[in-house]
């Protein structure tokens, strides 16, 4: 975690330097396209500060006031970043439309291109580092920050091409058209970040993750694990919380049941690491369970085994024991 904090801190300093370079470029050129880049870089600085705070807070261990840890701050931070990006996009669109109607002369375009080009290259390098580290550490906010920086770097490339055309042709309206298109693109980026972060705040089920966990349990299924139901999963960054009910033979002692639950926990931790936290409730089997019970050594079976019930999202999420 210290490595992630160090990387995010350096990225924040880099974002400040990039914003200042672009601001200088705007003041010497009066380019509306560069202004849109400055505004987005300002959002990058705020977002980088939020990301740094979120990573530091998320790294703290759970306590009495936060029994599930502090990982949810990453969703909140990403939501704020998405909202800021959306606001910046709307402001850029508004200014671009205004200056299409009331054009402003540009100056020193070549120097502005050099400054924004250097800033864009630094943005790209930081974006690649953040995205790679975010995926490796399963840090949503770091990956989102990296993707935002990457979109900023790519938009800078388009802006430089447009400014080059302006410098060669003298058509000022192209500058405002570029700013308008960047505003739309930035707004779209903000909306996408909000779409991904708000479900996390609302603890919306991650269907892909649920399917993956159920498949892991199904593939390593023990005969004593008669049924799986009432499965719930929440994931904050690299911390996984899993709740479920497992039906075991009614005559198992506490020690035997505990051994089976440890096997399940081992499977999940091997797949998702030691940050997986599980609360598993055991249910005793009943006569209705016999038809799906594969335990061949059972001596108290009341019905013959008919067929195994394959676990999937449609049955594992239901809060009731299954039978044929």
C-alpha atoms as a PDB file:
ATOM      1  CA  UNK A   1       0.000   0.000   0.000  1.00  0.00           C
ATOM      2  CA  UNK A   2       2.907   2.357   0.692  1.00  0.00           C
ATOM      3  CA  UNK A   3       3.968   1.952  -2.938  1.00  0.00           C
ATOM      4  CA  UNK A   4       0.489   2.967  -4.158  1.00  0.00           C
ATOM      5  CA  UNK A   5       0.474   6.035  -1.902  1.00  0.00           C
ATOM      6  CA  UNK A   6       3.912   7.053  -3.150  1.00  0.00           C
ATOM      7  CA  UNK A   7       2.878   6.667  -6.802  1.00  0.00           C
ATOM      8  CA  UNK A   8      -0.338   8.630  -6.283  1.00  0.00           C
ATOM      9  CA  UNK A   9       1.544  11.413  -4.457  1.00  0.00           C
ATOM     10  CA  UNK A  10       4.028  11.763  -7.330  1.00  0.00           C
ATOM     11  CA  UNK A  11       1.139  11.735  -9.806  1.00  0.00           C
ATOM     12  CA  UNK A  12      -0.534  14.572  -7.912  1.00  0.00           C
ATOM     13  CA  UNK A  13       2.623  16.697  -8.094  1.00  0.00           C
ATOM     14  CA  UNK A  14       2.894  15.887 -11.801  1.00  0.00           C
ATOM     15  CA  UNK A  15      -0.724  16.935 -12.371  1.00  0.00           C
ATOM     16  CA  UNK A  16      -0.064  20.308 -10.732  1.00  0.00           C
ATOM     17  CA  UNK A  17       2.960  20.868 -12.987  1.00  0.00           C
ATOM     18  CA  UNK A  18       0.930  19.890 -16.073  1.00  0.00           C
ATOM     19  CA  UNK A  19      -1.902  22.258 -15.136  1.00  0.00           C
ATOM     20  CA  UNK A  20       0.529  25.166 -14.688  1.00  0.00           C
ATOM     21  CA  UNK A  21       2.195  24.466 -18.048  1.00  0.00           C
ATOM     22  CA  UNK A  22      -1.168  24.396 -19.820  1.00  0.00           C
ATOM     23  CA  UNK A  23      -2.287  27.570 -18.017  1.00  0.00           C
ATOM     24  CA  UNK A  24       0.792  29.377 -19.315  1.00  0.00           C
ATOM     25  CA  UNK A  25       0.014  28.060 -22.814  1.00  0.00           C
ATOM     26  CA  UNK A  26      -3.549  29.399 -22.563  1.00  0.00           C
ATOM     27  CA  UNK A  27      -2.492  32.877 -21.416  1.00  0.00           C
ATOM     28  CA  UNK A  28       0.005  33.287 -24.251  1.00  0.00           C
ATOM     29  CA  UNK A  29      -2.348  31.938 -26.961  1.00  0.00           C
ATOM     30  CA  UNK A  30      -5.927  32.701 -25.778  1.00  0.00           C
ATOM     31  CA  UNK A  31      -6.865  29.344 -27.342  1.00  0.00           C
ATOM     32  CA  UNK A  32     -10.232  28.020 -26.257  1.00  0.00           C
ATOM     33  CA  UNK A  33      -9.076  24.467 -26.967  1.00  0.00           C
ATOM     34  CA  UNK A  34      -6.132  24.926 -24.598  1.00  0.00           C
ATOM     35  CA  UNK A  35      -8.496  26.470 -22.040  1.00  0.00           C
ATOM     36  CA  UNK A  36     -10.545  23.263 -22.121  1.00  0.00           C
ATOM     37  CA  UNK A  37      -7.333  21.329 -21.483  1.00  0.00           C
ATOM     38  CA  UNK A  38      -6.457  23.605 -18.543  1.00  0.00           C
ATOM     39  CA  UNK A  39      -9.882  23.117 -17.010  1.00  0.00           C
ATOM     40  CA  UNK A  40      -9.625  19.335 -17.336  1.00  0.00           C
ATOM     41  CA  UNK A  41      -6.145  19.424 -15.789  1.00  0.00           C
ATOM     42  CA  UNK A  42      -7.611  21.357 -12.856  1.00  0.00           C
ATOM     43  CA  UNK A  43     -10.094  18.545 -12.383  1.00  0.00           C
ATOM     44  CA  UNK A  44      -7.166  16.104 -12.573  1.00  0.00           C
ATOM     45  CA  UNK A  45      -5.458  17.884  -9.680  1.00  0.00           C
ATOM     46  CA  UNK A  46      -8.589  17.773  -7.512  1.00  0.00           C
ATOM     47  CA  UNK A  47      -9.240  14.155  -8.503  1.00  0.00           C
ATOM     48  CA  UNK A  48      -5.630  13.225  -7.765  1.00  0.00           C
ATOM     49  CA  UNK A  49      -5.895  14.751  -4.297  1.00  0.00           C
ATOM     50  CA  UNK A  50      -9.113  12.840  -3.644  1.00  0.00           C
ATOM     51  CA  UNK A  51      -7.531   9.636  -4.931  1.00  0.00           C
ATOM     52  CA  UNK A  52      -4.517  10.065  -2.630  1.00  0.00           C
ATOM     53  CA  UNK A  53      -6.755  10.693   0.383  1.00  0.00           C
ATOM     54  CA  UNK A  54      -8.937   7.700  -0.550  1.00  0.00           C
ATOM     55  CA  UNK A  55      -5.986   5.316  -0.887  1.00  0.00           C
ATOM     56  CA  UNK A  56      -4.557   6.448   2.472  1.00  0.00           C
ATOM     57  CA  UNK A  57      -7.952   6.061   4.173  1.00  0.00           C
ATOM     58  CA  UNK A  58      -8.748   2.740   2.478  1.00  0.00           C
ATOM     59  CA  UNK A  59      -5.430   1.319   3.697  1.00  0.00           C
ATOM     60  CA  UNK A  60      -6.460   1.769   7.338  1.00  0.00           C
ATOM     61  CA  UNK A  61      -7.567  -1.435   9.102  1.00  0.00           C
ATOM     62  CA  UNK A  62     -11.175  -1.876  10.147  1.00  0.00           C
ATOM     63  CA  UNK A  63     -12.124  -0.524  13.555  1.00  0.00           C
ATOM     64  CA  UNK A  64     -15.148  -0.333  15.861  1.00  0.00           C
ATOM     65  CA  UNK A  65     -16.734   2.461  13.837  1.00  0.00           C
ATOM     66  CA  UNK A  66     -15.919   0.832  10.482  1.00  0.00           C
ATOM     67  CA  UNK A  67     -16.295  -2.946  10.965  1.00  0.00           C
ATOM     68  CA  UNK A  68     -16.139  -3.520   7.182  1.00  0.00           C
ATOM     69  CA  UNK A  69     -13.055  -1.359   6.754  1.00  0.00           C
ATOM     70  CA  UNK A  70     -12.684   1.943   4.893  1.00  0.00           C
ATOM     71  CA  UNK A  71     -12.618   0.652   1.305  1.00  0.00           C
ATOM     72  CA  UNK A  72     -15.945   2.188   0.326  1.00  0.00           C
ATOM     73  CA  UNK A  73     -14.333   5.639   0.272  1.00  0.00           C
ATOM     74  CA  UNK A  74     -12.972   4.671  -3.161  1.00  0.00           C
ATOM     75  CA  UNK A  75     -16.489   4.587  -4.628  1.00  0.00           C
ATOM     76  CA  UNK A  76     -17.331   7.949  -3.039  1.00  0.00           C
ATOM     77  CA  UNK A  77     -14.105   9.509  -4.316  1.00  0.00           C
ATOM     78  CA  UNK A  78     -14.687   8.145  -7.821  1.00  0.00           C
ATOM     79  CA  UNK A  79     -18.230   9.580  -7.773  1.00  0.00           C
ATOM     80  CA  UNK A  80     -16.949  13.032  -6.830  1.00  0.00           C
ATOM     81  CA  UNK A  81     -14.327  12.792  -9.586  1.00  0.00           C
ATOM     82  CA  UNK A  82     -16.988  11.804 -12.120  1.00  0.00           C
ATOM     83  CA  UNK A  83     -19.197  14.716 -11.080  1.00  0.00           C
ATOM     84  CA  UNK A  84     -16.285  17.189 -11.358  1.00  0.00           C
ATOM     85  CA  UNK A  85     -15.391  15.893 -14.809  1.00  0.00           C
ATOM     86  CA  UNK A  86     -19.002  16.244 -15.930  1.00  0.00           C
ATOM     87  CA  UNK A  87     -19.184  19.845 -14.646  1.00  0.00           C
ATOM     88  CA  UNK A  88     -15.887  20.675 -16.394  1.00  0.00           C
ATOM     89  CA  UNK A  89     -17.236  19.227 -19.646  1.00  0.00           C
ATOM     90  CA  UNK A  90     -20.391  21.322 -19.433  1.00  0.00           C
ATOM     91  CA  UNK A  91     -18.359  24.511 -18.754  1.00  0.00           C
ATOM     92  CA  UNK A  92     -16.091  23.770 -21.721  1.00  0.00           C
ATOM     93  CA  UNK A  93     -19.099  23.240 -23.998  1.00  0.00           C
ATOM     94  CA  UNK A  94     -20.640  26.525 -22.840  1.00  0.00           C
ATOM     95  CA  UNK A  95     -17.446  28.536 -23.418  1.00  0.00           C
ATOM     96  CA  UNK A  96     -16.879  26.918 -26.809  1.00  0.00           C
ATOM     97  CA  UNK A  97     -20.387  27.819 -27.996  1.00  0.00           C
ATOM     98  CA  UNK A  98     -19.954  31.394 -26.740  1.00  0.00           C
ATOM     99  CA  UNK A  99     -16.670  31.856 -28.594  1.00  0.00           C
ATOM    100  CA  UNK A 100     -18.059  30.306 -31.767  1.00  0.00           C
ATOM    101  CA  UNK A 101     -20.546  33.184 -31.692  1.00  0.00           C
ATOM    102  CA  UNK A 102     -17.970  35.768 -30.518  1.00  0.00           C
ATOM    103  CA  UNK A 103     -14.526  34.685 -31.851  1.00  0.00           C
ATOM    104  CA  UNK A 104     -11.278  35.788 -30.185  1.00  0.00           C
ATOM    105  CA  UNK A 105      -7.949  36.201 -31.976  1.00  0.00           C
ATOM    106  CA  UNK A 106      -5.178  33.705 -31.162  1.00  0.00           C
ATOM    107  CA  UNK A 107      -1.454  34.326 -30.751  1.00  0.00           C
ATOM    108  CA  UNK A 108       1.805  32.365 -30.239  1.00  0.00           C
ATOM    109  CA  UNK A 109       0.121  29.132 -31.283  1.00  0.00           C
ATOM    110  CA  UNK A 110       3.453  27.381 -31.926  1.00  0.00           C
ATOM    111  CA  UNK A 111       4.680  27.951 -28.360  1.00  0.00           C
ATOM    112  CA  UNK A 112       1.302  26.811 -27.016  1.00  0.00           C
ATOM    113  CA  UNK A 113       1.612  23.578 -29.020  1.00  0.00           C
ATOM    114  CA  UNK A 114       5.060  22.848 -27.537  1.00  0.00           C
ATOM    115  CA  UNK A 115       3.923  23.454 -23.952  1.00  0.00           C
ATOM    116  CA  UNK A 116       0.731  21.396 -24.200  1.00  0.00           C
ATOM    117  CA  UNK A 117       2.545  18.643 -26.127  1.00  0.00           C
ATOM    118  CA  UNK A 118       5.107  18.207 -23.339  1.00  0.00           C
ATOM    119  CA  UNK A 119       2.340  18.251 -20.735  1.00  0.00           C
ATOM    120  CA  UNK A 120       0.363  15.671 -22.699  1.00  0.00           C
ATOM    121  CA  UNK A 121       3.349  13.314 -22.885  1.00  0.00           C
ATOM    122  CA  UNK A 122       3.820  13.502 -19.103  1.00  0.00           C
ATOM    123  CA  UNK A 123       0.080  12.873 -18.695  1.00  0.00           C
ATOM    124  CA  UNK A 124       0.327   9.729 -20.833  1.00  0.00           C
ATOM    125  CA  UNK A 125       3.253   8.328 -18.822  1.00  0.00           C
ATOM    126  CA  UNK A 126       1.447   8.906 -15.513  1.00  0.00           C
ATOM    127  CA  UNK A 127      -1.773   7.389 -16.898  1.00  0.00           C
ATOM    128  CA  UNK A 128      -0.054   4.148 -17.949  1.00  0.00           C
ATOM    129  CA  UNK A 129       1.578   3.790 -14.510  1.00  0.00           C
ATOM    130  CA  UNK A 130      -1.690   4.455 -12.634  1.00  0.00           C
ATOM    131  CA  UNK A 131      -3.791   2.067 -14.734  1.00  0.00           C
ATOM    132  CA  UNK A 132      -1.223  -0.741 -14.387  1.00  0.00           C
ATOM    133  CA  UNK A 133      -0.862  -0.290 -10.617  1.00  0.00           C
ATOM    134  CA  UNK A 134      -4.627   0.148 -10.168  1.00  0.00           C
ATOM    135  CA  UNK A 135      -5.333  -3.189 -11.879  1.00  0.00           C
ATOM    136  CA  UNK A 136      -2.597  -5.005  -9.976  1.00  0.00           C
ATOM    137  CA  UNK A 137      -3.800  -3.710  -6.594  1.00  0.00           C
ATOM    138  CA  UNK A 138      -7.525  -3.771  -7.524  1.00  0.00           C
ATOM    139  CA  UNK A 139      -7.761  -0.074  -6.634  1.00  0.00           C
ATOM    140  CA  UNK A 140     -10.812   1.331  -8.423  1.00  0.00           C
ATOM    141  CA  UNK A 141      -9.961   4.967  -7.707  1.00  0.00           C
ATOM    142  CA  UNK A 142      -6.354   4.655  -8.948  1.00  0.00           C
ATOM    143  CA  UNK A 143      -7.456   2.929 -12.143  1.00  0.00           C
ATOM    144  CA  UNK A 144     -10.221   5.525 -12.703  1.00  0.00           C
ATOM    145  CA  UNK A 145      -7.723   8.338 -12.154  1.00  0.00           C
ATOM    146  CA  UNK A 146      -5.364   6.721 -14.652  1.00  0.00           C
ATOM    147  CA  UNK A 147      -8.085   6.344 -17.288  1.00  0.00           C
ATOM    148  CA  UNK A 148      -9.038   9.993 -16.824  1.00  0.00           C
ATOM    149  CA  UNK A 149      -5.409  11.054 -17.322  1.00  0.00           C
ATOM    150  CA  UNK A 150      -5.199   8.814 -20.401  1.00  0.00           C
ATOM    151  CA  UNK A 151      -8.283  10.432 -21.946  1.00  0.00           C
ATOM    152  CA  UNK A 152      -6.734  13.829 -21.167  1.00  0.00           C
ATOM    153  CA  UNK A 153      -3.481  12.810 -22.906  1.00  0.00           C
ATOM    154  CA  UNK A 154      -5.307  11.512 -25.978  1.00  0.00           C
ATOM    155  CA  UNK A 155      -7.425  14.650 -26.188  1.00  0.00           C
ATOM    156  CA  UNK A 156      -4.220  16.715 -26.079  1.00  0.00           C
ATOM    157  CA  UNK A 157      -3.020  14.898 -29.194  1.00  0.00           C
ATOM    158  CA  UNK A 158      -6.230  15.833 -31.012  1.00  0.00           C
ATOM    159  CA  UNK A 159      -5.971  19.388 -29.752  1.00  0.00           C
ATOM    160  CA  UNK A 160      -2.387  19.747 -31.037  1.00  0.00           C
ATOM    161  CA  UNK A 161      -3.458  18.508 -34.470  1.00  0.00           C
ATOM    162  CA  UNK A 162      -6.317  21.009 -34.488  1.00  0.00           C
ATOM    163  CA  UNK A 163      -4.105  23.901 -33.370  1.00  0.00           C
ATOM    164  CA  UNK A 164      -1.617  23.018 -36.097  1.00  0.00           C
ATOM    165  CA  UNK A 165      -4.425  23.284 -38.639  1.00  0.00           C
ATOM    166  CA  UNK A 166      -5.440  26.653 -37.144  1.00  0.00           C
ATOM    167  CA  UNK A 167      -1.846  27.904 -37.359  1.00  0.00           C
ATOM    168  CA  UNK A 168      -1.611  26.862 -41.025  1.00  0.00           C
ATOM    169  CA  UNK A 169      -5.049  28.082 -42.159  1.00  0.00           C
ATOM    170  CA  UNK A 170      -5.904  30.919 -39.767  1.00  0.00           C
ATOM    171  CA  UNK A 171      -9.422  29.486 -39.275  1.00  0.00           C
ATOM    172  CA  UNK A 172     -10.121  30.388 -35.633  1.00  0.00           C
ATOM    173  CA  UNK A 173     -13.480  28.594 -35.531  1.00  0.00           C
ATOM    174  CA  UNK A 174     -11.617  25.257 -35.702  1.00  0.00           C
ATOM    175  CA  UNK A 175     -10.137  26.006 -32.259  1.00  0.00           C
ATOM    176  CA  UNK A 176     -13.616  26.443 -30.771  1.00  0.00           C
ATOM    177  CA  UNK A 177     -14.930  23.374 -32.568  1.00  0.00           C
ATOM    178  CA  UNK A 178     -12.106  21.326 -31.019  1.00  0.00           C
ATOM    179  CA  UNK A 179     -12.984  22.694 -27.579  1.00  0.00           C
ATOM    180  CA  UNK A 180     -16.643  21.817 -28.133  1.00  0.00           C
ATOM    181  CA  UNK A 181     -15.809  18.228 -29.113  1.00  0.00           C
ATOM    182  CA  UNK A 182     -13.502  17.886 -26.084  1.00  0.00           C
ATOM    183  CA  UNK A 183     -16.252  19.159 -23.825  1.00  0.00           C
ATOM    184  CA  UNK A 184     -18.621  16.477 -25.107  1.00  0.00           C
ATOM    185  CA  UNK A 185     -15.957  13.787 -24.708  1.00  0.00           C
ATOM    186  CA  UNK A 186     -15.051  14.903 -21.182  1.00  0.00           C
ATOM    187  CA  UNK A 187     -18.718  14.944 -20.175  1.00  0.00           C
ATOM    188  CA  UNK A 188     -19.099  11.401 -21.503  1.00  0.00           C
ATOM    189  CA  UNK A 189     -16.067  10.299 -19.433  1.00  0.00           C
ATOM    190  CA  UNK A 190     -17.599  11.809 -16.287  1.00  0.00           C
ATOM    191  CA  UNK A 191     -20.912  10.054 -16.889  1.00  0.00           C
ATOM    192  CA  UNK A 192     -19.153   6.702 -17.343  1.00  0.00           C
ATOM    193  CA  UNK A 193     -17.222   7.110 -14.077  1.00  0.00           C
ATOM    194  CA  UNK A 194     -20.480   7.923 -12.260  1.00  0.00           C
ATOM    195  CA  UNK A 195     -22.141   4.852 -13.796  1.00  0.00           C
ATOM    196  CA  UNK A 196     -19.401   2.629 -12.361  1.00  0.00           C
ATOM    197  CA  UNK A 197     -19.012   4.261  -8.942  1.00  0.00           C
ATOM    198  CA  UNK A 198     -22.630   4.872  -7.876  1.00  0.00           C
ATOM    199  CA  UNK A 199     -23.556   1.138  -8.006  1.00  0.00           C
ATOM    200  CA  UNK A 200     -20.646   0.527  -5.625  1.00  0.00           C
ATOM    201  CA  UNK A 201     -22.030   3.063  -3.152  1.00  0.00           C
ATOM    202  CA  UNK A 202     -25.429   1.392  -3.426  1.00  0.00           C
ATOM    203  CA  UNK A 203     -23.865  -2.089  -2.934  1.00  0.00           C
ATOM    204  CA  UNK A 204     -25.268  -3.204  -6.261  1.00  0.00           C
ATOM    205  CA  UNK A 205     -24.567  -6.866  -6.980  1.00  0.00           C
ATOM    206  CA  UNK A 206     -21.577  -7.543  -9.218  1.00  0.00           C
ATOM    207  CA  UNK A 207     -22.989 -10.332 -11.400  1.00  0.00           C
ATOM    208  CA  UNK A 208     -19.651 -11.200 -12.979  1.00  0.00           C
ATOM    209  CA  UNK A 209     -18.008 -11.558  -9.575  1.00  0.00           C
ATOM    210  CA  UNK A 210     -20.925 -13.635  -8.263  1.00  0.00           C
ATOM    211  CA  UNK A 211     -20.741 -15.978 -11.253  1.00  0.00           C
ATOM    212  CA  UNK A 212     -16.993 -16.336 -10.781  1.00  0.00           C
ATOM    213  CA  UNK A 213     -17.284 -17.184  -7.077  1.00  0.00           C
ATOM    214  CA  UNK A 214     -20.122 -19.657  -7.620  1.00  0.00           C
ATOM    215  CA  UNK A 215     -18.142 -21.364 -10.389  1.00  0.00           C
ATOM    216  CA  UNK A 216     -15.098 -21.629  -8.103  1.00  0.00           C
ATOM    217  CA  UNK A 217     -17.193 -23.359  -5.436  1.00  0.00           C
ATOM    218  CA  UNK A 218     -19.008 -25.562  -7.952  1.00  0.00           C
ATOM    219  CA  UNK A 219     -15.799 -26.814  -9.561  1.00  0.00           C
ATOM    220  CA  UNK A 220     -14.282 -27.805  -6.192  1.00  0.00           C
ATOM    221  CA  UNK A 221     -17.524 -28.993  -4.650  1.00  0.00           C
ATOM    222  CA  UNK A 222     -17.306 -31.503  -1.809  1.00  0.00           C
ATOM    223  CA  UNK A 223     -19.980 -34.216  -1.452  1.00  0.00           C
ATOM    224  CA  UNK A 224     -20.751 -32.936   2.038  1.00  0.00           C
ATOM    225  CA  UNK A 225     -21.647 -29.500   0.656  1.00  0.00           C
ATOM    226  CA  UNK A 226     -25.239 -30.429  -0.083  1.00  0.00           C
ATOM    227  CA  UNK A 227     -26.525 -26.967  -0.897  1.00  0.00           C
ATOM    228  CA  UNK A 228     -25.428 -23.341  -1.259  1.00  0.00           C
ATOM    229  CA  UNK A 229     -27.916 -20.496  -0.820  1.00  0.00           C
ATOM    230  CA  UNK A 230     -28.397 -16.905   0.396  1.00  0.00           C
ATOM    231  CA  UNK A 231     -25.079 -15.891  -1.167  1.00  0.00           C
ATOM    232  CA  UNK A 232     -24.112 -12.221  -0.828  1.00  0.00           C
ATOM    233  CA  UNK A 233     -20.883 -10.599  -2.007  1.00  0.00           C
ATOM    234  CA  UNK A 234     -19.535  -7.059  -1.546  1.00  0.00           C
ATOM    235  CA  UNK A 235     -16.123  -5.949  -2.826  1.00  0.00           C
ATOM    236  CA  UNK A 236     -14.346  -2.731  -1.836  1.00  0.00           C
ATOM    237  CA  UNK A 237     -11.036  -2.403  -3.676  1.00  0.00           C
ATOM    238  CA  UNK A 238      -9.074  -5.554  -2.853  1.00  0.00           C
ATOM    239  CA  UNK A 239     -11.265  -6.467   0.152  1.00  0.00           C
ATOM    240  CA  UNK A 240     -13.944  -9.098  -0.457  1.00  0.00           C
ATOM    241  CA  UNK A 241     -16.857  -9.718   1.945  1.00  0.00           C
ATOM    242  CA  UNK A 242     -18.813 -12.918   1.372  1.00  0.00           C
ATOM    243  CA  UNK A 243     -21.904 -14.180   3.239  1.00  0.00           C
ATOM    244  CA  UNK A 244     -23.692 -17.446   2.466  1.00  0.00           C
ATOM    245  CA  UNK A 245     -25.534 -20.457   3.897  1.00  0.00           C
ATOM    246  CA  UNK A 246     -24.213 -23.967   3.314  1.00  0.00           C
ATOM    247  CA  UNK A 247     -26.304 -27.078   3.952  1.00  0.00           C
ATOM    248  CA  UNK A 248     -24.311 -29.880   5.616  1.00  0.00           C
ATOM    249  CA  UNK A 249     -25.412 -33.302   6.936  1.00  0.00           C
ATOM    250  CA  UNK A 250     -27.509 -32.804  10.051  1.00  0.00           C
ATOM    251  CA  UNK A 251     -25.469 -35.317  12.055  1.00  0.00           C
ATOM    252  CA  UNK A 252     -22.131 -33.516  11.576  1.00  0.00           C
ATOM    253  CA  UNK A 253     -20.506 -32.334  14.794  1.00  0.00           C
ATOM    254  CA  UNK A 254     -19.421 -28.722  15.215  1.00  0.00           C
ATOM    255  CA  UNK A 255     -15.852 -29.818  14.563  1.00  0.00           C
ATOM    256  CA  UNK A 256     -16.766 -31.578  11.307  1.00  0.00           C
ATOM    257  CA  UNK A 257     -18.821 -28.606  10.115  1.00  0.00           C
ATOM    258  CA  UNK A 258     -15.972 -26.255  10.957  1.00  0.00           C
ATOM    259  CA  UNK A 259     -13.564 -28.322   8.857  1.00  0.00           C
ATOM    260  CA  UNK A 260     -15.890 -28.066   5.837  1.00  0.00           C
ATOM    261  CA  UNK A 261     -16.290 -24.310   6.254  1.00  0.00           C
ATOM    262  CA  UNK A 262     -12.513 -23.932   6.428  1.00  0.00           C
ATOM    263  CA  UNK A 263     -12.242 -25.752   3.089  1.00  0.00           C
ATOM    264  CA  UNK A 264     -14.638 -23.239   1.532  1.00  0.00           C
ATOM    265  CA  UNK A 265     -12.752 -20.304   3.025  1.00  0.00           C
ATOM    266  CA  UNK A 266      -9.461 -21.727   1.738  1.00  0.00           C
ATOM    267  CA  UNK A 267     -10.887 -21.928  -1.802  1.00  0.00           C
ATOM    268  CA  UNK A 268     -12.003 -18.302  -1.774  1.00  0.00           C
ATOM    269  CA  UNK A 269      -8.740 -17.018  -0.253  1.00  0.00           C
ATOM    270  CA  UNK A 270      -6.655 -18.942  -2.784  1.00  0.00           C
ATOM    271  CA  UNK A 271      -8.639 -17.220  -5.531  1.00  0.00           C
ATOM    272  CA  UNK A 272      -8.981 -13.698  -4.076  1.00  0.00           C
ATOM    273  CA  UNK A 273      -6.167 -13.421  -1.530  1.00  0.00           C
ATOM    274  CA  UNK A 274      -6.061 -13.022   2.230  1.00  0.00           C
ATOM    275  CA  UNK A 275      -8.247  -9.883   2.090  1.00  0.00           C
ATOM    276  CA  UNK A 276     -11.316 -12.121   1.675  1.00  0.00           C
ATOM    277  CA  UNK A 277     -13.600 -12.056   4.737  1.00  0.00           C
ATOM    278  CA  UNK A 278     -16.361 -14.674   5.011  1.00  0.00           C
ATOM    279  CA  UNK A 279     -19.360 -15.226   7.250  1.00  0.00           C
ATOM    280  CA  UNK A 280     -20.771 -18.684   6.507  1.00  0.00           C
ATOM    281  CA  UNK A 281     -23.851 -20.060   8.226  1.00  0.00           C
ATOM    282  CA  UNK A 282     -24.456 -23.806   8.302  1.00  0.00           C
ATOM    283  CA  UNK A 283     -27.906 -25.324   7.836  1.00  0.00           C
ATOM    284  CA  UNK A 284     -28.705 -28.963   8.700  1.00  0.00           C
ATOM    285  CA  UNK A 285     -30.052 -31.073   5.862  1.00  0.00           C
ATOM    286  CA  UNK A 286     -33.610 -32.427   5.885  1.00  0.00           C
ATOM    287  CA  UNK A 287     -35.432 -35.245   4.089  1.00  0.00           C
ATOM    288  CA  UNK A 288     -36.041 -32.855   1.157  1.00  0.00           C
ATOM    289  CA  UNK A 289     -32.275 -32.564   0.711  1.00  0.00           C
ATOM    290  CA  UNK A 290     -31.778 -36.290   0.100  1.00  0.00           C
ATOM    291  CA  UNK A 291     -32.717 -36.154  -3.585  1.00  0.00           C
ATOM    292  CA  UNK A 292     -29.846 -33.713  -4.339  1.00  0.00           C
ATOM    293  CA  UNK A 293     -27.346 -35.038  -1.768  1.00  0.00           C
ATOM    294  CA  UNK A 294     -24.338 -36.800  -3.338  1.00  0.00           C
ATOM    295  CA  UNK A 295     -22.927 -38.078  -0.038  1.00  0.00           C
ATOM    296  CA  UNK A 296     -22.617 -41.789  -0.800  1.00  0.00           C
ATOM    297  CA  UNK A 297     -21.611 -42.762   2.742  1.00  0.00           C
ATOM    298  CA  UNK A 298     -24.755 -41.342   4.358  1.00  0.00           C
ATOM    299  CA  UNK A 299     -26.409 -44.017   6.556  1.00  0.00           C
ATOM    300  CA  UNK A 300     -29.525 -42.056   7.495  1.00  0.00           C
ATOM    301  CA  UNK A 301     -30.726 -41.226   3.989  1.00  0.00           C
ATOM    302  CA  UNK A 302     -34.528 -41.103   3.768  1.00  0.00           C
ATOM    303  CA  UNK A 303     -34.750 -40.756  -0.042  1.00  0.00           C
ATOM    304  CA  UNK A 304     -32.616 -41.911  -2.926  1.00  0.00           C
ATOM    305  CA  UNK A 305     -30.245 -39.501  -4.640  1.00  0.00           C
ATOM    306  CA  UNK A 306     -31.751 -38.361  -7.960  1.00  0.00           C
ATOM    307  CA  UNK A 307     -29.441 -35.719  -9.382  1.00  0.00           C
ATOM    308  CA  UNK A 308     -27.033 -33.002  -8.367  1.00  0.00           C
ATOM    309  CA  UNK A 309     -28.270 -29.408  -8.401  1.00  0.00           C
ATOM    310  CA  UNK A 310     -25.742 -27.258 -10.226  1.00  0.00           C
ATOM    311  CA  UNK A 311     -25.061 -24.024  -8.366  1.00  0.00           C
ATOM    312  CA  UNK A 312     -25.582 -20.817 -10.309  1.00  0.00           C
ATOM    313  CA  UNK A 313     -26.613 -17.212  -9.699  1.00  0.00           C
ATOM    314  CA  UNK A 314     -30.315 -17.990 -10.086  1.00  0.00           C
ATOM    315  CA  UNK A 315     -30.401 -20.493  -7.200  1.00  0.00           C
ATOM    316  CA  UNK A 316     -27.417 -19.594  -4.995  1.00  0.00           C
ATOM    317  CA  UNK A 317     -28.816 -16.118  -4.247  1.00  0.00           C
ATOM    318  CA  UNK A 318     -32.185 -17.392  -2.995  1.00  0.00           C
ATOM    319  CA  UNK A 319     -32.703 -17.466   0.768  1.00  0.00           C
ATOM    320  CA  UNK A 320     -33.995 -21.005   1.025  1.00  0.00           C
ATOM    321  CA  UNK A 321     -32.666 -24.541   0.867  1.00  0.00           C
ATOM    322  CA  UNK A 322     -33.040 -26.206  -2.502  1.00  0.00           C
ATOM    323  CA  UNK A 323     -34.652 -29.507  -3.442  1.00  0.00           C
ATOM    324  CA  UNK A 324     -36.153 -31.213  -6.474  1.00  0.00           C
END
